[in-house]
Amino acid sequence: MSNVILKNVKKTYDNNKVVINSVNLEIKDKEFVVLVGSSGCGKSTLLRMIAGLENITDGEIFIGDKKVNDVPPKDRDIAFVFQSYALYPHMTVRENIAFGLKMRKVPKAEIEKKVQDAAQILNLTEYLDRKPKQLSGGQRQRVALGRAIVRNPKVFLMDEPLSNLDAKLRVQMRSEIKKLHEKLQTTFIYVTHDQTEALTMGDRIVLLNNGDIQQVDSPDEVYNNPKNTFVAGFIGSPQMNFIDGKDLGLDENILYGIRPEKMVKPEGDIKLTVEVDISEMLGSEKIAYFDIGAKHCSAVLSSDFNIGKTLDLSINSADLYKFDKQTGERIY
């Protein structure tokens, strides 16, 4: 079993700065879980504590059935893929992939078999005798993955592995990492600040803010049923609009949320006319930006929609989310 369990895990630095509050989380065997949040939310720190690269201040971490609080990283049966590829430039692809096994004095024949197997999975066979400088960014990242695969770990830990790639390569590598997870059938814990990566890759998403877990759910649930304004505003691009009730002619004590793609609906029972600040053309759609009361909002429209100086909104009240103005928590 390669499940990972965190019980009341905390991290505080010497200056009493709390980075991770009391986190409780269970990641199931063979699950692909994405830790997502903005910079400084604690996601990478949490990953490094699971790996043993960062000491925990309090709590317990289990990998499988084994408590690993005091177990060194090399004995936790995990593989860590970093943001930087961390490849040895003077070594070939074959030597880079094999390096960890060589250090563990694995027999040469076994090393070669594992390297060949990993290269086949990652489409690197024809590049095994090349040096890293002869590879593209995506190929280098696959070498880093190969170095992890040959260890046959219980858990793969990945810390923003695609952030150094261009947009086209990131899309390609997202798909490749998902396929890799399906082939290997082991547990993946993946850190990113990119909500698109989180939504497209994770079986479940763990959304963090200021060291606290805000919501743990499937991508569909996180998007369609956010538990608070932070989750609602973080997941979705453009982000959810938040509008004071008085500006919609509704309950003044409630903050209402609505997705930009649902601002102009034929069946809408709430009608508003707004002044457009600016609009953007994004191929198959347009985005209009405007203010409703004191809140800056946006609407996603089809590319053939004619956006003038004003825009007539037609909002279906059934599409509105309700949030407590003071706490930000969802009102059901």
Protein backbone atom coordinates (compact mmCIF):
# COMPACT_ATOMS: atom_id res chain seq x y z
CA MET A 1 0.00 0.00 0.00
CA SER A 2 1.29 3.48 -0.87
CA ASN A 3 -1.24 5.70 0.84
CA VAL A 4 0.02 8.83 2.61
CA ILE A 5 -1.57 10.08 5.83
CA LEU A 6 -0.92 13.40 7.56
CA LYS A 7 -2.23 13.81 11.11
CA ASN A 8 -2.21 17.28 12.69
CA VAL A 9 0.96 18.19 10.79
CA LYS A 10 2.40 21.60 11.65
CA LYS A 11 5.43 23.61 10.56
CA THR A 12 6.70 26.62 12.45
CA TYR A 13 10.03 28.33 11.81
CA ASP A 14 12.33 29.71 14.52
CA ASN A 15 10.78 33.17 14.32
CA ASN A 16 7.45 31.54 15.27
CA LYS A 17 6.15 32.04 11.76
CA VAL A 18 3.50 29.38 11.12
CA VAL A 19 3.85 27.97 7.59
CA ILE A 20 1.60 24.91 7.95
CA ASN A 21 -1.22 24.85 10.47
CA SER A 22 -2.72 21.63 11.77
CA VAL A 23 -3.15 19.73 8.48
CA ASN A 24 -5.06 16.45 8.30
CA LEU A 25 -5.07 14.70 4.95
CA GLU A 26 -5.33 11.14 3.63
CA ILE A 27 -4.05 10.38 0.14
CA LYS A 28 -5.19 7.01 -1.11
CA ASP A 29 -3.11 4.28 -2.71
CA LYS A 30 -2.59 4.96 -6.47
CA GLU A 31 -4.31 8.34 -6.26
CA PHE A 32 -3.12 11.44 -8.15
CA VAL A 33 -3.48 14.36 -5.74
CA VAL A 34 -2.58 17.95 -6.58
CA LEU A 35 -1.60 20.47 -3.91
CA VAL A 36 -2.45 23.89 -5.30
CA GLY A 37 -2.38 27.45 -4.04
CA SER A 38 -0.66 30.79 -4.56
CA SER A 39 3.01 31.40 -3.76
CA GLY A 40 3.75 31.16 -0.04
CA CYS A 41 0.66 29.11 0.83
CA GLY A 42 2.76 26.19 2.16
CA LYS A 43 2.24 23.60 -0.58
CA SER A 44 5.94 23.01 -1.32
CA THR A 45 6.75 22.94 2.40
CA LEU A 46 4.09 20.27 2.89
CA LEU A 47 5.54 18.21 0.03
CA ARG A 48 9.06 18.53 1.43
CA MET A 49 7.86 17.37 4.85
CA ILE A 50 6.34 14.26 3.28
CA ALA A 51 9.70 13.67 1.57
CA GLY A 52 11.66 14.21 4.78
CA LEU A 53 13.55 17.18 3.30
CA GLU A 54 11.89 19.47 5.87
CA ASN A 55 11.43 18.64 9.55
CA ILE A 56 7.90 18.81 10.94
CA THR A 57 7.21 20.82 14.08
CA ASP A 58 4.34 18.64 15.26
CA GLY A 59 2.07 15.85 14.06
CA GLU A 60 2.56 12.51 12.30
CA ILE A 61 3.24 11.42 8.72
CA PHE A 62 2.60 7.87 7.52
CA ILE A 63 3.64 6.35 4.18
CA GLY A 64 1.87 3.04 3.82
CA ASP A 65 1.49 1.73 7.35
CA LYS A 66 4.82 3.16 8.50
CA LYS A 67 5.24 6.32 10.55
CA VAL A 68 8.10 8.22 8.89
CA ASN A 69 8.62 11.27 11.15
CA ASP A 70 12.18 10.20 11.98
CA VAL A 71 12.91 8.20 8.82
CA PRO A 72 15.55 9.80 6.55
CA PRO A 73 14.46 10.70 2.98
CA LYS A 74 16.44 7.87 1.35
CA ASP A 75 14.54 5.30 3.43
CA ARG A 76 11.00 6.61 2.84
CA ASP A 77 10.59 4.81 -0.50
CA ILE A 78 9.67 8.01 -2.32
CA ALA A 79 10.98 9.72 -5.46
CA PHE A 80 11.13 13.52 -5.68
CA VAL A 81 10.99 15.38 -9.00
CA PHE A 82 12.11 18.98 -8.57
CA GLN A 83 11.19 22.18 -10.38
CA SER A 84 14.72 22.32 -11.83
CA TYR A 85 15.71 19.20 -13.72
CA ALA A 86 18.90 18.83 -11.62
CA LEU A 87 20.59 16.72 -14.29
CA TYR A 88 24.34 16.13 -14.33
CA PRO A 89 25.52 17.97 -17.50
CA HIS A 90 28.61 15.78 -18.00
CA MET A 91 26.61 12.54 -17.91
CA THR A 92 24.55 10.97 -20.68
CA VAL A 93 20.83 10.41 -20.34
CA ARG A 94 21.54 6.76 -19.51
CA GLU A 95 24.01 7.73 -16.79
CA ASN A 96 21.66 10.34 -15.33
CA ILE A 97 18.78 7.90 -15.08
CA ALA A 98 21.01 5.19 -13.64
CA PHE A 99 22.88 7.39 -11.16
CA GLY A 100 20.72 6.73 -8.07
CA LEU A 101 20.74 2.98 -8.67
CA LYS A 102 24.51 3.00 -9.12
CA MET A 103 24.93 4.79 -5.78
CA ARG A 104 22.83 2.04 -4.16
CA LYS A 105 25.15 -0.56 -5.73
CA VAL A 106 22.37 -2.23 -7.72
CA PRO A 107 23.81 -4.89 -10.08
CA LYS A 108 24.72 -3.56 -13.54
CA ALA A 109 22.37 -5.88 -15.44
CA GLU A 110 19.42 -4.82 -13.27
CA ILE A 111 20.32 -1.15 -13.72
CA GLU A 112 20.40 -1.51 -17.50
CA LYS A 113 17.03 -3.26 -17.58
CA LYS A 114 15.43 -0.57 -15.39
CA VAL A 115 16.94 2.21 -17.51
CA GLN A 116 15.70 0.60 -20.74
CA ASP A 117 12.22 0.08 -19.29
CA ALA A 118 12.01 3.70 -18.11
CA ALA A 119 13.33 5.02 -21.41
CA GLN A 120 10.69 3.05 -23.30
CA ILE A 121 7.88 4.38 -21.09
CA LEU A 122 9.12 7.96 -21.57
CA ASN A 123 10.10 7.72 -25.27
CA LEU A 124 13.74 8.38 -24.46
CA THR A 125 15.34 5.25 -25.93
CA GLU A 126 16.93 7.06 -28.89
CA TYR A 127 18.36 9.76 -26.60
CA LEU A 128 20.10 7.54 -24.04
CA ASP A 129 23.61 8.42 -25.27
CA ARG A 130 23.01 12.18 -25.49
CA LYS A 131 24.02 14.80 -22.93
CA PRO A 132 21.36 17.04 -21.33
CA LYS A 133 22.47 20.09 -23.36
CA GLN A 134 21.45 18.19 -26.52
CA LEU A 135 17.85 17.80 -25.29
CA SER A 136 14.79 20.04 -25.28
CA GLY A 137 13.23 21.21 -22.03
CA GLY A 138 10.50 18.58 -22.26
CA GLN A 139 13.04 15.82 -22.90
CA ARG A 140 15.11 16.93 -19.91
CA GLN A 141 12.04 16.80 -17.71
CA ARG A 142 11.35 13.27 -18.94
CA VAL A 143 14.91 12.30 -17.96
CA ALA A 144 14.23 13.64 -14.47
CA LEU A 145 11.06 11.52 -14.40
CA GLY A 146 13.04 8.52 -15.62
CA ARG A 147 15.48 8.88 -12.74
CA ALA A 148 12.48 8.68 -10.41
CA ILE A 149 10.79 5.77 -12.21
CA VAL A 150 13.78 3.40 -11.99
CA ARG A 151 13.61 3.55 -8.21
CA ASN A 152 10.11 2.00 -8.32
CA PRO A 153 9.01 4.11 -5.32
CA LYS A 154 5.81 3.85 -3.33
CA VAL A 155 5.11 7.55 -3.85
CA PHE A 156 6.09 10.11 -6.50
CA LEU A 157 6.43 13.68 -5.21
CA MET A 158 6.56 16.45 -7.84
CA ASP A 159 7.24 20.09 -7.03
CA GLU A 160 6.10 22.32 -9.92
CA PRO A 161 7.93 20.15 -12.48
CA LEU A 162 6.52 21.99 -15.52
CA SER A 163 7.04 25.60 -14.47
CA ASN A 164 10.24 25.99 -16.53
CA LEU A 165 8.59 24.86 -19.77
CA ASP A 166 6.85 27.02 -22.35
CA ALA A 167 3.05 26.92 -22.61
CA LYS A 168 2.89 24.37 -25.46
CA LEU A 169 5.28 21.97 -23.72
CA ARG A 170 3.40 22.30 -20.43
CA VAL A 171 0.22 21.11 -22.10
CA GLN A 172 2.06 18.16 -23.67
CA MET A 173 3.83 17.21 -20.42
CA ARG A 174 0.58 17.39 -18.41
CA SER A 175 -0.79 14.67 -20.64
CA GLU A 176 2.42 12.63 -20.44
CA ILE A 177 2.53 12.73 -16.65
CA LYS A 178 -1.10 11.60 -16.44
CA LYS A 179 -0.36 8.71 -18.79
CA LEU A 180 2.69 7.87 -16.69
CA HIS A 181 0.52 7.70 -13.58
CA GLU A 182 -1.88 5.32 -15.32
CA LYS A 183 1.00 3.08 -16.43
CA LEU A 184 2.80 2.96 -13.11
CA GLN A 185 -0.32 2.65 -10.92
CA THR A 186 1.29 4.28 -7.90
CA THR A 187 0.61 7.33 -5.75
CA PHE A 188 1.42 10.78 -7.16
CA ILE A 189 1.47 13.98 -5.09
CA TYR A 190 1.93 16.99 -7.34
CA VAL A 191 2.48 20.63 -6.36
CA THR A 192 1.54 23.53 -8.61
CA HIS A 193 0.38 27.14 -8.46
CA ASP A 194 -1.36 26.67 -11.81
CA GLN A 195 -5.06 25.96 -11.38
CA THR A 196 -5.31 24.62 -14.95
CA GLU A 197 -2.77 21.90 -14.08
CA ALA A 198 -4.73 21.14 -10.92
CA LEU A 199 -8.07 20.84 -12.72
CA THR A 200 -6.78 18.74 -15.62
CA MET A 201 -4.44 16.38 -13.74
CA GLY A 202 -5.72 15.63 -10.27
CA ASP A 203 -8.08 12.89 -9.10
CA ARG A 204 -8.48 15.22 -6.14
CA ILE A 205 -7.34 18.78 -5.48
CA VAL A 206 -6.05 20.02 -2.13
CA LEU A 207 -6.40 23.80 -2.11
CA LEU A 208 -4.17 25.59 0.41
CA ASN A 209 -4.12 29.17 1.66
CA ASN A 210 -1.82 30.52 4.38
CA GLY A 211 -0.96 27.05 5.63
CA ASP A 212 -4.58 25.87 5.90
CA ILE A 213 -6.46 23.42 3.71
CA GLN A 214 -9.46 25.22 2.25
CA GLN A 215 -11.04 22.30 0.38
CA VAL A 216 -10.22 18.75 -0.69
CA ASP A 217 -12.37 17.48 -3.52
CA SER A 218 -12.51 16.30 -7.12
CA PRO A 219 -11.86 18.97 -9.78
CA ASP A 220 -15.59 19.04 -10.62
CA GLU A 221 -16.58 19.59 -6.99
CA VAL A 222 -13.97 22.27 -6.38
CA TYR A 223 -15.11 24.16 -9.47
CA ASN A 224 -18.86 23.70 -9.14
CA ASN A 225 -19.21 23.60 -5.34
CA PRO A 226 -16.54 25.85 -3.79
CA LYS A 227 -16.73 25.99 0.01
CA ASN A 228 -15.69 29.63 0.37
CA THR A 229 -14.76 32.77 -1.54
CA PHE A 230 -11.08 31.85 -1.63
CA VAL A 231 -11.72 28.56 -3.42
CA ALA A 232 -14.33 30.16 -5.68
CA GLY A 233 -11.96 32.98 -6.63
CA PHE A 234 -8.85 30.84 -7.08
CA ILE A 235 -10.32 28.10 -9.28
CA GLY A 236 -11.59 29.30 -12.64
CA SER A 237 -10.20 31.66 -15.27
CA PRO A 238 -11.28 34.40 -15.42
CA GLN A 239 -12.04 34.14 -11.73
CA MET A 240 -15.55 34.15 -10.30
CA ASN A 241 -17.26 37.54 -10.01
CA PHE A 242 -18.22 38.63 -6.49
CA ILE A 243 -21.04 41.17 -6.28
CA ASP A 244 -22.70 42.85 -3.30
CA GLY A 245 -26.34 41.88 -2.91
CA LYS A 246 -27.56 45.49 -3.02
CA ASP A 247 -26.08 45.91 -6.50
CA LEU A 248 -28.20 43.01 -7.74
CA GLY A 249 -31.35 44.11 -5.95
CA LEU A 250 -31.01 41.14 -3.60
CA ASP A 251 -30.18 40.49 0.07
CA GLU A 252 -27.69 43.18 1.12
CA ASN A 253 -26.05 40.99 3.77
CA ILE A 254 -24.93 38.39 1.23
CA LEU A 255 -22.01 38.41 -1.18
CA TYR A 256 -23.03 36.77 -4.45
CA GLY A 257 -20.70 34.92 -6.81
CA ILE A 258 -21.19 34.08 -10.46
CA ARG A 259 -18.90 32.65 -13.11
CA PRO A 260 -17.99 35.05 -15.97
CA GLU A 261 -19.34 32.64 -18.59
CA LYS A 262 -22.82 32.90 -17.03
CA MET A 263 -23.22 36.69 -17.05
CA VAL A 264 -25.30 36.84 -20.24
CA LYS A 265 -27.96 34.14 -20.40
CA PRO A 266 -31.22 34.33 -22.41
CA GLU A 267 -33.23 33.07 -19.43
CA GLY A 268 -31.69 35.53 -16.98
CA ASP A 269 -34.12 37.09 -14.49
CA ILE A 270 -31.68 39.75 -13.23
CA LYS A 271 -31.03 42.51 -15.77
CA LEU A 272 -28.19 45.04 -15.54
CA THR A 273 -26.52 47.43 -17.97
CA VAL A 274 -22.83 48.11 -17.32
CA GLU A 275 -20.15 50.30 -18.87
CA VAL A 276 -17.37 48.26 -20.45
CA ASP A 277 -13.86 49.28 -19.41
CA ILE A 278 -12.03 47.08 -21.86
CA SER A 279 -12.56 43.92 -23.88
CA GLU A 280 -10.19 41.18 -25.03
CA MET A 281 -10.40 38.91 -28.04
CA LEU A 282 -9.23 35.35 -27.24
CA GLY A 283 -9.94 33.43 -30.43
CA SER A 284 -13.18 31.54 -29.82
CA GLU A 285 -14.37 33.95 -27.13
CA LYS A 286 -14.27 37.53 -25.90
CA ILE A 287 -13.93 38.84 -22.37
CA ALA A 288 -15.51 42.12 -21.30
CA TYR A 289 -14.43 43.88 -18.08
CA PHE A 290 -16.63 46.26 -16.11
CA ASP A 291 -17.63 47.37 -12.62
CA ILE A 292 -20.76 46.41 -10.73
CA GLY A 293 -20.90 48.70 -7.73
CA ALA A 294 -17.44 48.58 -6.13
CA LYS A 295 -16.59 45.16 -7.60
CA HIS A 296 -14.55 44.66 -10.77
CA CYS A 297 -16.17 41.92 -12.88
CA SER A 298 -15.88 40.16 -16.22
CA ALA A 299 -18.08 38.33 -18.70
CA VAL A 300 -17.03 35.62 -21.15
CA LEU A 301 -18.88 35.88 -24.45
CA SER A 302 -18.75 34.18 -27.84
CA SER A 303 -16.33 35.64 -30.37
CA ASP A 304 -19.16 36.90 -32.60
CA PHE A 305 -20.76 38.85 -29.73
CA ASN A 306 -20.68 42.58 -30.45
CA ILE A 307 -19.29 44.37 -27.38
CA GLY A 308 -19.98 48.10 -27.34
CA LYS A 309 -19.42 50.79 -24.73
CA THR A 310 -22.18 49.26 -22.66
CA LEU A 311 -23.18 45.66 -22.07
CA ASP A 312 -26.59 44.32 -21.15
CA LEU A 313 -26.20 41.57 -18.58
CA SER A 314 -28.82 38.89 -18.10
CA ILE A 315 -28.11 36.79 -15.01
CA ASN A 316 -30.01 33.70 -14.00
CA SER A 317 -30.44 33.82 -10.21
CA ALA A 318 -30.07 30.02 -10.16
CA ASP A 319 -26.43 30.49 -11.25
CA LEU A 320 -25.58 32.63 -8.21
CA TYR A 321 -23.49 31.35 -5.29
CA LYS A 322 -24.11 32.83 -1.85
CA PHE A 323 -21.30 33.67 0.57
CA ASP A 324 -21.23 35.09 4.08
CA LYS A 325 -19.82 38.63 3.83
CA GLN A 326 -17.87 38.34 7.07
CA THR A 327 -16.43 34.83 6.94
CA GLY A 328 -16.40 34.17 3.20
CA GLU A 329 -17.97 30.76 3.82
CA ARG A 330 -20.51 29.40 1.35
CA ILE A 331 -24.18 29.66 2.35
CA TYR A 332 -26.10 26.61 1.15
